[in-house]
Structures are given as C-alpha cells and as structure tokens.
Amino acid sequence: MAKISFHHSDGNVDVLDVDPGTSLMRAAVTNGVDGIVGECGGQAMCATCHVYVRPEYLDGLPDIGDDEEEMLECTAGPRDETRSRLGCQLKAGEDFDAIEVDVPDDQV
C-alpha cells in the first residue's frame, strides 16, 4: 500500500492508503476527497486534478510529459512552476510510495 496525504487550505488533511498502480486522482475521486474533480477521468485533458506536490516529495517523480505540461497551463488555481502536477499522472507504487500534496482552492 502507498500513502497519499491531501492537505486542504482549511487545515484538514485526507490521508489515504491505496493499492499500487492507483493514480493520485483516482484515489481522491474514489474516496471523495474535496477539491479533486477529475472531469476527464485521468486522460490529462482537463487539469481538474491539479495539485501542489510538497517539496520533499518532488525528487523521484517522473518528468512532466507534453500533455501534462499543456494542461498545467490551463489550471484554475495558479500554477507553481516547481510543485504543480496533475494527479492523474502520478501513480502509487510506480512514482511514489508516499506523497503529500496541497489541494488548490479552485479546480474549475
């Protein structure tokens, strides 16, 4: 199991244990995490699973692909050039065993 912590601006934290291969977006949507919409179902086509990865978890993540890069230019919340990622592109057990992210206040 991998651990994902979703930090919200109100101080609440959703902590999930997920199976390997589960995307950060799918884990959030399946478990009702506020602030993660996932409108496109994980195809890197909507940017409604935008998150800010906490700095200590950035090393070891895969590079941002062309589709993700394009969608990160369309996020509702401001893009952080260092920390912004799409949750649909990060998979438990492949890209991380544990990760903590901040959820933007706006997704749409």
Protein backbone atom coordinates (compact mmCIF):
# COMPACT_ATOMS: atom_id res chain seq x y z
CA MET A 1 0.00 0.00 0.00
CA ALA A 2 1.03 3.57 -0.67
CA LYS A 3 0.06 6.60 1.42
CA ILE A 4 -1.31 9.84 -0.05
CA SER A 5 -1.96 12.90 2.11
CA PHE A 6 -4.16 15.66 0.67
CA HIS A 7 -3.71 18.93 2.58
CA HIS A 8 -6.52 21.50 2.30
CA SER A 9 -6.25 25.24 2.92
CA ASP A 10 -8.63 24.97 5.91
CA GLY A 11 -6.11 22.75 7.70
CA ASN A 12 -7.91 19.46 7.10
CA VAL A 13 -5.91 16.53 5.75
CA ASP A 14 -7.28 13.47 3.97
CA VAL A 15 -4.91 10.51 4.32
CA LEU A 16 -5.47 7.51 2.05
CA ASP A 17 -3.80 4.12 1.78
CA VAL A 18 -4.05 2.98 -1.83
CA ASP A 19 -3.11 -0.03 -3.92
CA PRO A 20 -0.10 0.14 -6.22
CA GLY A 21 -0.98 1.45 -9.67
CA THR A 22 -3.71 3.77 -8.38
CA SER A 23 -3.33 7.33 -9.60
CA LEU A 24 -3.45 10.14 -7.11
CA MET A 25 -6.53 11.48 -8.93
CA ARG A 26 -8.38 8.13 -8.91
CA ALA A 27 -7.66 7.67 -5.20
CA ALA A 28 -9.08 11.13 -4.45
CA VAL A 29 -12.20 10.77 -6.59
CA THR A 30 -12.96 7.25 -5.34
CA ASN A 31 -12.63 8.36 -1.72
CA GLY A 32 -14.50 11.67 -2.00
CA VAL A 33 -11.56 14.00 -1.38
CA ASP A 34 -12.82 17.58 -1.70
CA GLY A 35 -11.14 19.71 -4.34
CA ILE A 36 -10.14 16.94 -6.76
CA VAL A 37 -12.64 16.69 -9.63
CA GLY A 38 -11.04 14.51 -12.32
CA GLU A 39 -13.54 15.52 -15.03
CA CYS A 40 -11.70 13.75 -17.87
CA GLY A 41 -11.26 10.51 -15.95
CA GLY A 42 -7.48 10.62 -15.92
CA GLN A 43 -6.61 11.39 -19.54
CA ALA A 44 -4.58 14.59 -18.82
CA MET A 45 -7.20 16.61 -20.69
CA CYS A 46 -8.86 18.83 -18.08
CA ALA A 47 -6.48 19.87 -15.25
CA THR A 48 -9.18 19.35 -12.58
CA CYS A 49 -6.86 17.09 -10.59
CA HIS A 50 -4.19 19.79 -10.22
CA VAL A 51 -2.19 19.51 -7.01
CA TYR A 52 0.91 21.10 -5.49
CA VAL A 53 3.38 18.38 -4.52
CA ARG A 54 5.15 19.19 -1.27
CA PRO A 55 8.86 19.88 -1.95
CA GLU A 56 10.23 16.89 -0.07
CA TYR A 57 8.32 14.53 -2.43
CA LEU A 58 9.38 16.06 -5.76
CA ASP A 59 12.57 14.05 -6.22
CA GLY A 60 11.92 10.78 -7.96
CA LEU A 61 8.66 11.78 -9.64
CA PRO A 62 8.56 11.27 -13.39
CA ASP A 63 9.18 14.21 -15.66
CA ILE A 64 6.18 16.21 -16.81
CA GLY A 65 5.08 14.94 -20.23
CA ASP A 66 3.87 17.11 -23.09
CA ASP A 67 0.14 16.52 -22.39
CA GLU A 68 0.56 17.29 -18.69
CA GLU A 69 2.61 20.40 -19.48
CA GLU A 70 -0.13 21.69 -21.79
CA MET A 71 -2.86 21.11 -19.21
CA LEU A 72 -0.86 22.74 -16.41
CA GLU A 73 -1.08 25.95 -18.44
CA CYS A 74 -4.89 25.77 -18.03
CA THR A 75 -5.29 25.23 -14.29
CA ALA A 76 -7.94 27.23 -12.42
CA GLY A 77 -5.58 27.73 -9.48
CA PRO A 78 -2.24 29.43 -10.11
CA ARG A 79 0.48 27.18 -11.46
CA ASP A 80 3.58 26.71 -9.35
CA GLU A 81 6.42 26.06 -11.80
CA THR A 82 8.12 23.73 -9.31
CA ARG A 83 5.27 21.99 -7.47
CA SER A 84 2.24 21.83 -9.81
CA ARG A 85 1.34 18.38 -11.15
CA LEU A 86 -1.75 16.59 -12.43
CA GLY A 87 -2.83 13.89 -10.02
CA CYS A 88 -3.86 11.62 -12.90
CA GLN A 89 -0.23 11.39 -13.99
CA LEU A 90 1.18 10.22 -10.63
CA LYS A 91 0.76 6.55 -9.71
CA ALA A 92 1.20 4.89 -6.34
CA GLY A 93 3.91 2.27 -6.22
CA GLU A 94 5.35 3.40 -9.54
CA ASP A 95 6.06 7.08 -8.92
CA PHE A 96 5.84 7.14 -5.12
CA ASP A 97 5.28 5.01 -2.02
CA ALA A 98 4.20 8.05 -0.01
CA ILE A 99 3.36 11.56 -1.12
CA GLU A 100 1.87 14.71 0.35
CA VAL A 101 0.13 17.31 -1.78
CA ASP A 102 -1.66 20.60 -1.26
CA VAL A 103 -5.06 20.88 -2.95
CA PRO A 104 -5.71 24.18 -4.75
CA ASP A 105 -8.75 26.16 -3.63
CA ASP A 106 -10.05 26.21 -7.22
CA GLN A 107 -10.18 23.47 -9.85
CA VAL A 108 -12.84 24.74 -12.26
